[in-house]
C-alpha cells in the first residue's frame, strides 16, 4: 500500500515496474491496484483508514493502522533502523494530522 498525497511516488513506483523484464512485469501487474482518491473523475472513493469512532482522540485514530501492521508483521519490531520505530513515528504524525 502506498499513500501518496502529492503524486510523485506512484509515478516512481510504476516506472520501476516498467524497467523490469517482461516476465517480472507479467507477475507484478495483476497485483497492482491503483485507486485515485482525489475525486478528479467526479467520484469520491471513501478511505476508511482514518475515521472517528465516538470521541477518539486523533492519536488513537492514528494508531489503528499501526496496530494492524504491528500484528501482521511481528518481526518489524526487531528491525532497529527501518523497523516499527520508524514506521510508528511517521505513521503517528501522518495519521494525527489527517483531516477528518
PDB file of N, CA and C in Angstrom:
ATOM      1  N   UNK A   1       0.851  -1.165   0.000  1.00  0.00           N
ATOM      2  CA  UNK A   1       0.000   0.000   0.000  1.00  0.00           C
ATOM      3  C   UNK A   1       0.898   1.230   0.000  1.00  0.00           C
ATOM      4  N   UNK A   2       0.598   2.136  -0.881  1.00  0.00           N
ATOM      5  CA  UNK A   2       1.333   3.397  -0.956  1.00  0.00           C
ATOM      6  C   UNK A   2       0.338   4.525  -0.720  1.00  0.00           C
ATOM      7  N   UNK A   3       0.599   5.352   0.272  1.00  0.00           N
ATOM      8  CA  UNK A   3      -0.183   6.568   0.481  1.00  0.00           C
ATOM      9  C   UNK A   3       0.632   7.708  -0.106  1.00  0.00           C
ATOM     10  N   UNK A   4       0.119   8.336  -1.124  1.00  0.00           N
ATOM     11  CA  UNK A   4       0.885   9.334  -1.852  1.00  0.00           C
ATOM     12  C   UNK A   4       0.031  10.583  -2.057  1.00  0.00           C
ATOM     13  N   UNK A   5       0.038  11.498  -1.090  1.00  0.00           N
ATOM     14  CA  UNK A   5      -0.847  12.656  -1.207  1.00  0.00           C
ATOM     15  C   UNK A   5      -0.463  13.646  -2.302  1.00  0.00           C
ATOM     16  N   UNK A   6       0.764  13.600  -2.791  1.00  0.00           N
ATOM     17  CA  UNK A   6       1.203  14.586  -3.788  1.00  0.00           C
ATOM     18  C   UNK A   6       1.380  14.017  -5.185  1.00  0.00           C
ATOM     19  N   UNK A   7       1.604  12.711  -5.343  1.00  0.00           N
ATOM     20  CA  UNK A   7       1.631  12.103  -6.659  1.00  0.00           C
ATOM     21  C   UNK A   7       2.938  11.546  -7.174  1.00  0.00           C
ATOM     22  N   UNK A   8       4.122  12.034  -6.803  1.00  0.00           N
ATOM     23  CA  UNK A   8       5.331  11.533  -7.455  1.00  0.00           C
ATOM     24  C   UNK A   8       5.696  10.101  -7.066  1.00  0.00           C
ATOM     25  N   UNK A   9       5.263   9.631  -5.930  1.00  0.00           N
ATOM     26  CA  UNK A   9       5.624   8.276  -5.515  1.00  0.00           C
ATOM     27  C   UNK A   9       5.025   7.239  -6.451  1.00  0.00           C
ATOM     28  N   UNK A  10       3.770   7.413  -6.832  1.00  0.00           N
ATOM     29  CA  UNK A  10       3.153   6.447  -7.734  1.00  0.00           C
ATOM     30  C   UNK A  10       3.843   6.472  -9.096  1.00  0.00           C
ATOM     31  N   UNK A  11       4.253   7.635  -9.550  1.00  0.00           N
ATOM     32  CA  UNK A  11       4.976   7.720 -10.820  1.00  0.00           C
ATOM     33  C   UNK A  11       6.280   6.930 -10.748  1.00  0.00           C
ATOM     34  N   UNK A  12       7.014   7.085  -9.655  1.00  0.00           N
ATOM     35  CA  UNK A  12       8.274   6.355  -9.487  1.00  0.00           C
ATOM     36  C   UNK A  12       8.033   4.859  -9.368  1.00  0.00           C
ATOM     37  N   UNK A  13       7.004   4.463  -8.643  1.00  0.00           N
ATOM     38  CA  UNK A  13       6.674   3.051  -8.475  1.00  0.00           C
ATOM     39  C   UNK A  13       6.365   2.402  -9.831  1.00  0.00           C
ATOM     40  N   UNK A  14       5.504   3.044 -10.606  1.00  0.00           N
ATOM     41  CA  UNK A  14       5.140   2.500 -11.914  1.00  0.00           C
ATOM     42  C   UNK A  14       6.338   2.458 -12.856  1.00  0.00           C
ATOM     43  N   UNK A  15       7.201   3.463 -12.781  1.00  0.00           N
ATOM     44  CA  UNK A  15       8.411   3.487 -13.612  1.00  0.00           C
ATOM     45  C   UNK A  15       9.327   2.319 -13.272  1.00  0.00           C
ATOM     46  N   UNK A  16       9.446   2.011 -11.984  1.00  0.00           N
ATOM     47  CA  UNK A  16      10.303   0.886 -11.570  1.00  0.00           C
ATOM     48  C   UNK A  16       9.776  -0.426 -12.129  1.00  0.00           C
ATOM     49  N   UNK A  17       8.461  -0.604 -12.126  1.00  0.00           N
ATOM     50  CA  UNK A  17       7.895  -1.834 -12.685  1.00  0.00           C
ATOM     51  C   UNK A  17       8.150  -1.892 -14.192  1.00  0.00           C
ATOM     52  N   UNK A  18       7.985  -0.757 -14.877  1.00  0.00           N
ATOM     53  CA  UNK A  18       8.198  -0.732 -16.329  1.00  0.00           C
ATOM     54  C   UNK A  18       9.643  -1.020 -16.721  1.00  0.00           C
ATOM     55  N   UNK A  19      10.586  -0.761 -15.820  1.00  0.00           N
ATOM     56  CA  UNK A  19      12.004  -1.006 -16.112  1.00  0.00           C
ATOM     57  C   UNK A  19      12.397  -2.472 -15.913  1.00  0.00           C
ATOM     58  N   UNK A  20      11.517  -3.270 -15.324  1.00  0.00           N
ATOM     59  CA  UNK A  20      11.811  -4.683 -15.094  1.00  0.00           C
ATOM     60  C   UNK A  20      11.612  -5.481 -16.381  1.00  0.00           C
ATOM     61  N   UNK A  21      12.225  -6.657 -16.452  1.00  0.00           N
ATOM     62  CA  UNK A  21      11.987  -7.532 -17.614  1.00  0.00           C
ATOM     63  C   UNK A  21      10.501  -7.907 -17.721  1.00  0.00           C
ATOM     64  N   UNK A  22      10.072  -8.211 -18.918  1.00  0.00           N
ATOM     65  CA  UNK A  22       8.667  -8.504 -19.196  1.00  0.00           C
ATOM     66  C   UNK A  22       8.126  -9.640 -18.327  1.00  0.00           C
ATOM     67  N   UNK A  23       8.943 -10.661 -18.086  1.00  0.00           N
ATOM     68  CA  UNK A  23       8.484 -11.804 -17.287  1.00  0.00           C
ATOM     69  C   UNK A  23       8.134 -11.378 -15.860  1.00  0.00           C
ATOM     70  N   UNK A  24       8.901 -10.449 -15.281  1.00  0.00           N
ATOM     71  CA  UNK A  24       8.592  -9.939 -13.944  1.00  0.00           C
ATOM     72  C   UNK A  24       7.343  -9.058 -13.968  1.00  0.00           C
ATOM     73  N   UNK A  25       7.253  -8.243 -15.017  1.00  0.00           N
ATOM     74  CA  UNK A  25       6.083  -7.370 -15.126  1.00  0.00           C
ATOM     75  C   UNK A  25       4.790  -8.174 -15.181  1.00  0.00           C
ATOM     76  N   UNK A  26       4.800  -9.270 -15.905  1.00  0.00           N
ATOM     77  CA  UNK A  26       3.606 -10.101 -16.022  1.00  0.00           C
ATOM     78  C   UNK A  26       3.174 -10.657 -14.672  1.00  0.00           C
ATOM     79  N   UNK A  27       4.122 -10.872 -13.782  1.00  0.00           N
ATOM     80  CA  UNK A  27       3.798 -11.356 -12.440  1.00  0.00           C
ATOM     81  C   UNK A  27       3.307 -10.231 -11.531  1.00  0.00           C
ATOM     82  N   UNK A  28       3.833  -9.027 -11.738  1.00  0.00           N
ATOM     83  CA  UNK A  28       3.520  -7.919 -10.833  1.00  0.00           C
ATOM     84  C   UNK A  28       2.233  -7.172 -11.166  1.00  0.00           C
ATOM     85  N   UNK A  29       1.954  -6.950 -12.453  1.00  0.00           N
ATOM     86  CA  UNK A  29       0.811  -6.114 -12.824  1.00  0.00           C
ATOM     87  C   UNK A  29      -0.515  -6.597 -12.247  1.00  0.00           C
ATOM     88  N   UNK A  30      -0.788  -7.894 -12.184  1.00  0.00           N
ATOM     89  CA  UNK A  30      -2.059  -8.321 -11.594  1.00  0.00           C
ATOM     90  C   UNK A  30      -2.197  -7.957 -10.107  1.00  0.00           C
ATOM     91  N   UNK A  31      -1.073  -7.683  -9.446  1.00  0.00           N
ATOM     92  CA  UNK A  31      -1.103  -7.351  -8.023  1.00  0.00           C
ATOM     93  C   UNK A  31      -1.218  -5.853  -7.762  1.00  0.00           C
ATOM     94  N   UNK A  32      -1.152  -5.038  -8.800  1.00  0.00           N
ATOM     95  CA  UNK A  32      -1.205  -3.585  -8.650  1.00  0.00           C
ATOM     96  C   UNK A  32      -2.641  -3.114  -8.829  1.00  0.00           C
ATOM     97  N   UNK A  33      -3.126  -2.387  -7.859  1.00  0.00           N
ATOM     98  CA  UNK A  33      -4.451  -1.782  -7.926  1.00  0.00           C
ATOM     99  C   UNK A  33      -4.285  -0.310  -7.584  1.00  0.00           C
ATOM    100  N   UNK A  34      -4.573   0.539  -8.537  1.00  0.00           N
ATOM    101  CA  UNK A  34      -4.446   1.981  -8.335  1.00  0.00           C
ATOM    102  C   UNK A  34      -5.824   2.561  -8.053  1.00  0.00           C
ATOM    103  N   UNK A  35      -5.936   3.254  -6.951  1.00  0.00           N
ATOM    104  CA  UNK A  35      -7.195   3.898  -6.586  1.00  0.00           C
ATOM    105  C   UNK A  35      -6.934   5.390  -6.461  1.00  0.00           C
ATOM    106  N   UNK A  36      -7.541   6.166  -7.319  1.00  0.00           N
ATOM    107  CA  UNK A  36      -7.401   7.622  -7.284  1.00  0.00           C
ATOM    108  C   UNK A  36      -8.410   8.170  -6.282  1.00  0.00           C
ATOM    109  N   UNK A  37      -7.909   8.638  -5.142  1.00  0.00           N
ATOM    110  CA  UNK A  37      -8.782   9.126  -4.077  1.00  0.00           C
ATOM    111  C   UNK A  37      -9.062  10.621  -4.177  1.00  0.00           C
ATOM    112  N   UNK A  38      -8.591  11.265  -5.245  1.00  0.00           N
ATOM    113  CA  UNK A  38      -8.718  12.719  -5.339  1.00  0.00           C
ATOM    114  C   UNK A  38     -10.102  13.173  -5.761  1.00  0.00           C
ATOM    115  N   UNK A  39     -10.891  12.292  -6.337  1.00  0.00           N
ATOM    116  CA  UNK A  39     -12.200  12.697  -6.834  1.00  0.00           C
ATOM    117  C   UNK A  39     -12.124  13.408  -8.166  1.00  0.00           C
ATOM    118  N   UNK A  40     -11.006  13.288  -8.877  1.00  0.00           N
ATOM    119  CA  UNK A  40     -10.829  14.002 -10.142  1.00  0.00           C
ATOM    120  C   UNK A  40     -11.773  13.503 -11.239  1.00  0.00           C
ATOM    121  N   UNK A  41     -12.301  12.296 -11.091  1.00  0.00           N
ATOM    122  CA  UNK A  41     -13.247  11.762 -12.070  1.00  0.00           C
ATOM    123  C   UNK A  41     -14.697  12.043 -11.694  1.00  0.00           C
ATOM    124  N   UNK A  42     -14.892  12.846 -10.656  1.00  0.00           N
ATOM    125  CA  UNK A  42     -16.245  13.157 -10.221  1.00  0.00           C
ATOM    126  C   UNK A  42     -16.776  12.217  -9.157  1.00  0.00           C
ATOM    127  N   UNK A  43     -15.981  11.218  -8.774  1.00  0.00           N
ATOM    128  CA  UNK A  43     -16.377  10.273  -7.737  1.00  0.00           C
ATOM    129  C   UNK A  43     -15.387  10.357  -6.588  1.00  0.00           C
ATOM    130  N   UNK A  44     -15.890  10.340  -5.391  1.00  0.00           N
ATOM    131  CA  UNK A  44     -15.031  10.316  -4.214  1.00  0.00           C
ATOM    132  C   UNK A  44     -15.053   8.902  -3.661  1.00  0.00           C
ATOM    133  N   UNK A  45     -13.874   8.300  -3.553  1.00  0.00           N
ATOM    134  CA  UNK A  45     -13.753   6.953  -3.022  1.00  0.00           C
ATOM    135  C   UNK A  45     -13.484   7.061  -1.531  1.00  0.00           C
ATOM    136  N   UNK A  46     -14.333   6.474  -0.703  1.00  0.00           N
ATOM    137  CA  UNK A  46     -14.101   6.568   0.740  1.00  0.00           C
ATOM    138  C   UNK A  46     -12.838   5.806   1.130  1.00  0.00           C
ATOM    139  N   UNK A  47     -12.111   6.339   2.031  1.00  0.00           N
ATOM    140  CA  UNK A  47     -10.882   5.723   2.515  1.00  0.00           C
ATOM    141  C   UNK A  47     -10.984   5.614   4.029  1.00  0.00           C
ATOM    142  N   UNK A  48     -11.569   4.528   4.518  1.00  0.00           N
ATOM    143  CA  UNK A  48     -11.907   4.457   5.943  1.00  0.00           C
ATOM    144  C   UNK A  48     -10.754   4.106   6.867  1.00  0.00           C
ATOM    145  N   UNK A  49      -9.530   4.332   6.428  1.00  0.00           N
ATOM    146  CA  UNK A  49      -8.400   4.022   7.290  1.00  0.00           C
ATOM    147  C   UNK A  49      -8.398   4.931   8.521  1.00  0.00           C
ATOM    148  N   UNK A  50      -8.684   6.192   8.305  1.00  0.00           N
ATOM    149  CA  UNK A  50      -8.745   7.147   9.405  1.00  0.00           C
ATOM    150  C   UNK A  50     -10.179   7.635   9.529  1.00  0.00           C
ATOM    151  N   UNK A  51     -10.849   7.174  10.524  1.00  0.00           N
ATOM    152  CA  UNK A  51     -12.221   7.590  10.778  1.00  0.00           C
ATOM    153  C   UNK A  51     -12.404   7.688  12.278  1.00  0.00           C
ATOM    154  N   UNK A  52     -13.391   8.391  12.694  1.00  0.00           N
ATOM    155  CA  UNK A  52     -13.620   8.624  14.116  1.00  0.00           C
ATOM    156  C   UNK A  52     -14.728   7.707  14.615  1.00  0.00           C
ATOM    157  N   UNK A  53     -14.457   7.020  15.709  1.00  0.00           N
ATOM    158  CA  UNK A  53     -15.451   6.206  16.386  1.00  0.00           C
ATOM    159  C   UNK A  53     -15.741   6.856  17.731  1.00  0.00           C
ATOM    160  N   UNK A  54     -16.825   7.552  17.828  1.00  0.00           N
ATOM    161  CA  UNK A  54     -17.151   8.200  19.096  1.00  0.00           C
ATOM    162  C   UNK A  54     -16.268   9.396  19.368  1.00  0.00           C
ATOM    163  N   UNK A  55     -15.690   9.423  20.552  1.00  0.00           N
ATOM    164  CA  UNK A  55     -14.873  10.573  20.994  1.00  0.00           C
ATOM    165  C   UNK A  55     -13.388  10.241  21.019  1.00  0.00           C
ATOM    166  N   UNK A  56     -12.913   9.516  20.037  1.00  0.00           N
ATOM    167  CA  UNK A  56     -11.495   9.170  19.979  1.00  0.00           C
ATOM    168  C   UNK A  56     -10.645  10.415  19.743  1.00  0.00           C
ATOM    169  N   UNK A  57      -9.458  10.387  20.304  1.00  0.00           N
ATOM    170  CA  UNK A  57      -8.504  11.455  20.022  1.00  0.00           C
ATOM    171  C   UNK A  57      -7.861  11.176  18.669  1.00  0.00           C
ATOM    172  N   UNK A  58      -7.213  12.183  18.098  1.00  0.00           N
ATOM    173  CA  UNK A  58      -6.512  11.991  16.829  1.00  0.00           C
ATOM    174  C   UNK A  58      -5.385  10.977  16.980  1.00  0.00           C
ATOM    175  N   UNK A  59      -4.762  10.959  18.152  1.00  0.00           N
ATOM    176  CA  UNK A  59      -3.700   9.982  18.408  1.00  0.00           C
ATOM    177  C   UNK A  59      -4.259   8.559  18.350  1.00  0.00           C
ATOM    178  N   UNK A  60      -5.378   8.320  18.968  1.00  0.00           N
ATOM    179  CA  UNK A  60      -5.986   6.987  18.954  1.00  0.00           C
ATOM    180  C   UNK A  60      -6.351   6.557  17.533  1.00  0.00           C
ATOM    181  N   UNK A  61      -6.859   7.484  16.756  1.00  0.00           N
ATOM    182  CA  UNK A  61      -7.199   7.187  15.369  1.00  0.00           C
ATOM    183  C   UNK A  61      -5.946   6.827  14.574  1.00  0.00           C
ATOM    184  N   UNK A  62      -4.860   7.558  14.799  1.00  0.00           N
ATOM    185  CA  UNK A  62      -3.623   7.308  14.049  1.00  0.00           C
ATOM    186  C   UNK A  62      -3.012   5.957  14.392  1.00  0.00           C
ATOM    187  N   UNK A  63      -3.291   5.430  15.568  1.00  0.00           N
ATOM    188  CA  UNK A  63      -2.695   4.160  15.993  1.00  0.00           C
ATOM    189  C   UNK A  63      -3.404   2.945  15.419  1.00  0.00           C
ATOM    190  N   UNK A  64      -4.593   3.114  14.924  1.00  0.00           N
ATOM    191  CA  UNK A  64      -5.374   1.980  14.421  1.00  0.00           C
ATOM    192  C   UNK A  64      -4.634   1.231  13.309  1.00  0.00           C
ATOM    193  N   UNK A  65      -4.157   1.938  12.312  1.00  0.00           N
ATOM    194  CA  UNK A  65      -3.425   1.293  11.210  1.00  0.00           C
ATOM    195  C   UNK A  65      -2.110   0.702  11.710  1.00  0.00           C
ATOM    196  N   UNK A  66      -1.415   1.417  12.565  1.00  0.00           N
ATOM    197  CA  UNK A  66      -0.127   0.939  13.063  1.00  0.00           C
ATOM    198  C   UNK A  66      -0.285  -0.332  13.885  1.00  0.00           C
ATOM    199  N   UNK A  67      -1.375  -0.461  14.615  1.00  0.00           N
ATOM    200  CA  UNK A  67      -1.635  -1.687  15.371  1.00  0.00           C
ATOM    201  C   UNK A  67      -1.798  -2.881  14.438  1.00  0.00           C
ATOM    202  N   UNK A  68      -2.459  -2.665  13.306  1.00  0.00           N
ATOM    203  CA  UNK A  68      -2.638  -3.749  12.339  1.00  0.00           C
ATOM    204  C   UNK A  68      -1.294  -4.163  11.746  1.00  0.00           C
ATOM    205  N   UNK A  69      -0.465  -3.186  11.401  1.00  0.00           N
ATOM    206  CA  UNK A  69       0.855  -3.500  10.838  1.00  0.00           C
ATOM    207  C   UNK A  69       1.689  -4.257  11.856  1.00  0.00           C
ATOM    208  N   UNK A  70       1.661  -3.825  13.101  1.00  0.00           N
ATOM    209  CA  UNK A  70       2.441  -4.488  14.156  1.00  0.00           C
ATOM    210  C   UNK A  70       1.997  -5.942  14.317  1.00  0.00           C
ATOM    211  N   UNK A  71       0.688  -6.186  14.278  1.00  0.00           N
ATOM    212  CA  UNK A  71       0.182  -7.551  14.432  1.00  0.00           C
ATOM    213  C   UNK A  71       0.477  -8.404  13.200  1.00  0.00           C
ATOM    214  N   UNK A  72       0.457  -7.808  12.022  1.00  0.00           N
ATOM    215  CA  UNK A  72       0.688  -8.548  10.788  1.00  0.00           C
ATOM    216  C   UNK A  72       2.145  -8.969  10.626  1.00  0.00           C
ATOM    217  N   UNK A  73       3.079  -8.174  11.143  1.00  0.00           N
ATOM    218  CA  UNK A  73       4.499  -8.479  10.991  1.00  0.00           C
ATOM    219  C   UNK A  73       5.228  -8.252  12.313  1.00  0.00           C
ATOM    220  N   UNK A  74       5.219  -9.242  13.194  1.00  0.00           N
ATOM    221  CA  UNK A  74       5.870  -9.061  14.494  1.00  0.00           C
ATOM    222  C   UNK A  74       7.384  -8.860  14.400  1.00  0.00           C
ATOM    223  N   UNK A  75       8.007  -9.327  13.324  1.00  0.00           N
ATOM    224  CA  UNK A  75       9.451  -9.154  13.176  1.00  0.00           C
ATOM    225  C   UNK A  75       9.838  -7.714  12.864  1.00  0.00           C
ATOM    226  N   UNK A  76       8.872  -6.904  12.495  1.00  0.00           N
ATOM    227  CA  UNK A  76       9.143  -5.496  12.223  1.00  0.00           C
ATOM    228  C   UNK A  76       9.657  -4.786  13.472  1.00  0.00           C
ATOM    229  N   UNK A  77       9.288  -5.282  14.630  1.00  0.00           N
ATOM    230  CA  UNK A  77       9.727  -4.650  15.881  1.00  0.00           C
ATOM    231  C   UNK A  77      11.182  -4.953  16.206  1.00  0.00           C
ATOM    232  N   UNK A  78      11.765  -5.961  15.583  1.00  0.00           N
ATOM    233  CA  UNK A  78      13.168  -6.280  15.849  1.00  0.00           C
ATOM    234  C   UNK A  78      14.125  -5.515  14.937  1.00  0.00           C
ATOM    235  N   UNK A  79      13.614  -4.900  13.894  1.00  0.00           N
ATOM    236  CA  UNK A  79      14.466  -4.101  12.996  1.00  0.00           C
ATOM    237  C   UNK A  79      14.618  -2.716  13.600  1.00  0.00           C
ATOM    238  N   UNK A  80      15.836  -2.359  13.965  1.00  0.00           N
ATOM    239  CA  UNK A  80      16.031  -1.118  14.728  1.00  0.00           C
ATOM    240  C   UNK A  80      15.975   0.146  13.868  1.00  0.00           C
ATOM    241  N   UNK A  81      16.494   0.118  12.660  1.00  0.00           N
ATOM    242  CA  UNK A  81      16.579   1.335  11.857  1.00  0.00           C
ATOM    243  C   UNK A  81      15.349   1.532  10.984  1.00  0.00           C
ATOM    244  N   UNK A  82      14.999   0.525  10.223  1.00  0.00           N
ATOM    245  CA  UNK A  82      13.868   0.634   9.299  1.00  0.00           C
ATOM    246  C   UNK A  82      12.688  -0.205   9.776  1.00  0.00           C
ATOM    247  N   UNK A  83      12.565  -0.373  11.060  1.00  0.00           N
ATOM    248  CA  UNK A  83      11.518  -1.209  11.614  1.00  0.00           C
ATOM    249  C   UNK A  83      10.328  -0.414  12.114  1.00  0.00           C
ATOM    250  N   UNK A  84       9.700  -0.981  13.138  1.00  0.00           N
ATOM    251  CA  UNK A  84       8.453  -0.407  13.620  1.00  0.00           C
ATOM    252  C   UNK A  84       8.642   0.976  14.240  1.00  0.00           C
ATOM    253  N   UNK A  85       9.784   1.235  14.851  1.00  0.00           N
ATOM    254  CA  UNK A  85      10.002   2.561  15.451  1.00  0.00           C
ATOM    255  C   UNK A  85       9.921   3.668  14.409  1.00  0.00           C
ATOM    256  N   UNK A  86      10.543   3.447  13.267  1.00  0.00           N
ATOM    257  CA  UNK A  86      10.489   4.450  12.191  1.00  0.00           C
ATOM    258  C   UNK A  86       9.075   4.554  11.630  1.00  0.00           C
ATOM    259  N   UNK A  87       8.435   3.413  11.437  1.00  0.00           N
ATOM    260  CA  UNK A  87       7.065   3.417  10.931  1.00  0.00           C
ATOM    261  C   UNK A  87       6.126   4.094  11.918  1.00  0.00           C
ATOM    262  N   UNK A  88       6.302   3.823  13.211  1.00  0.00           N
ATOM    263  CA  UNK A  88       5.435   4.413  14.228  1.00  0.00           C
ATOM    264  C   UNK A  88       5.548   5.934  14.204  1.00  0.00           C
ATOM    265  N   UNK A  89       6.763   6.432  14.125  1.00  0.00           N
ATOM    266  CA  UNK A  89       6.958   7.883  14.140  1.00  0.00           C
ATOM    267  C   UNK A  89       6.283   8.553  12.940  1.00  0.00           C
ATOM    268  N   UNK A  90       6.511   8.015  11.763  1.00  0.00           N
ATOM    269  CA  UNK A  90       5.905   8.587  10.550  1.00  0.00           C
ATOM    270  C   UNK A  90       4.394   8.384  10.557  1.00  0.00           C
ATOM    271  N   UNK A  91       3.964   7.162  10.870  1.00  0.00           N
ATOM    272  CA  UNK A  91       2.540   6.841  10.847  1.00  0.00           C
ATOM    273  C   UNK A  91       1.728   7.608  11.864  1.00  0.00           C
ATOM    274  N   UNK A  92       2.305   7.839  13.045  1.00  0.00           N
ATOM    275  CA  UNK A  92       1.586   8.584  14.078  1.00  0.00           C
ATOM    276  C   UNK A  92       1.386  10.024  13.656  1.00  0.00           C
ATOM    277  N   UNK A  93       2.444  10.674  13.211  1.00  0.00           N
ATOM    278  CA  UNK A  93       2.318  12.085  12.846  1.00  0.00           C
ATOM    279  C   UNK A  93       1.521  12.286  11.560  1.00  0.00           C
ATOM    280  N   UNK A  94       1.619  11.343  10.628  1.00  0.00           N
ATOM    281  CA  UNK A  94       0.815  11.425   9.408  1.00  0.00           C
ATOM    282  C   UNK A  94      -0.655  11.235   9.721  1.00  0.00           C
ATOM    283  N   UNK A  95      -0.957  10.192  10.483  1.00  0.00           N
ATOM    284  CA  UNK A  95      -2.341   9.910  10.836  1.00  0.00           C
ATOM    285  C   UNK A  95      -2.938  10.941  11.754  1.00  0.00           C
ATOM    286  N   UNK A  96      -2.120  11.527  12.614  1.00  0.00           N
ATOM    287  CA  UNK A  96      -2.583  12.515  13.578  1.00  0.00           C
ATOM    288  C   UNK A  96      -3.028  13.799  12.861  1.00  0.00           C
ATOM    289  N   UNK A  97      -2.362  14.114  11.780  1.00  0.00           N
ATOM    290  CA  UNK A  97      -2.683  15.360  11.077  1.00  0.00           C
ATOM    291  C   UNK A  97      -3.669  15.146   9.950  1.00  0.00           C
ATOM    292  N   UNK A  98      -4.168  13.911   9.767  1.00  0.00           N
ATOM    293  CA  UNK A  98      -5.091  13.619   8.677  1.00  0.00           C
ATOM    294  C   UNK A  98      -6.379  14.393   8.898  1.00  0.00           C
ATOM    295  N   UNK A  99      -6.893  15.086   7.894  1.00  0.00           N
ATOM    296  CA  UNK A  99      -8.119  15.856   8.073  1.00  0.00           C
ATOM    297  C   UNK A  99      -9.332  14.933   8.229  1.00  0.00           C
ATOM    298  N   UNK A 100     -10.136  15.200   9.234  1.00  0.00           N
ATOM    299  CA  UNK A 100     -11.325  14.387   9.471  1.00  0.00           C
ATOM    300  C   UNK A 100     -12.563  15.130   9.059  1.00  0.00           C
TER     301      UNK A 100
END
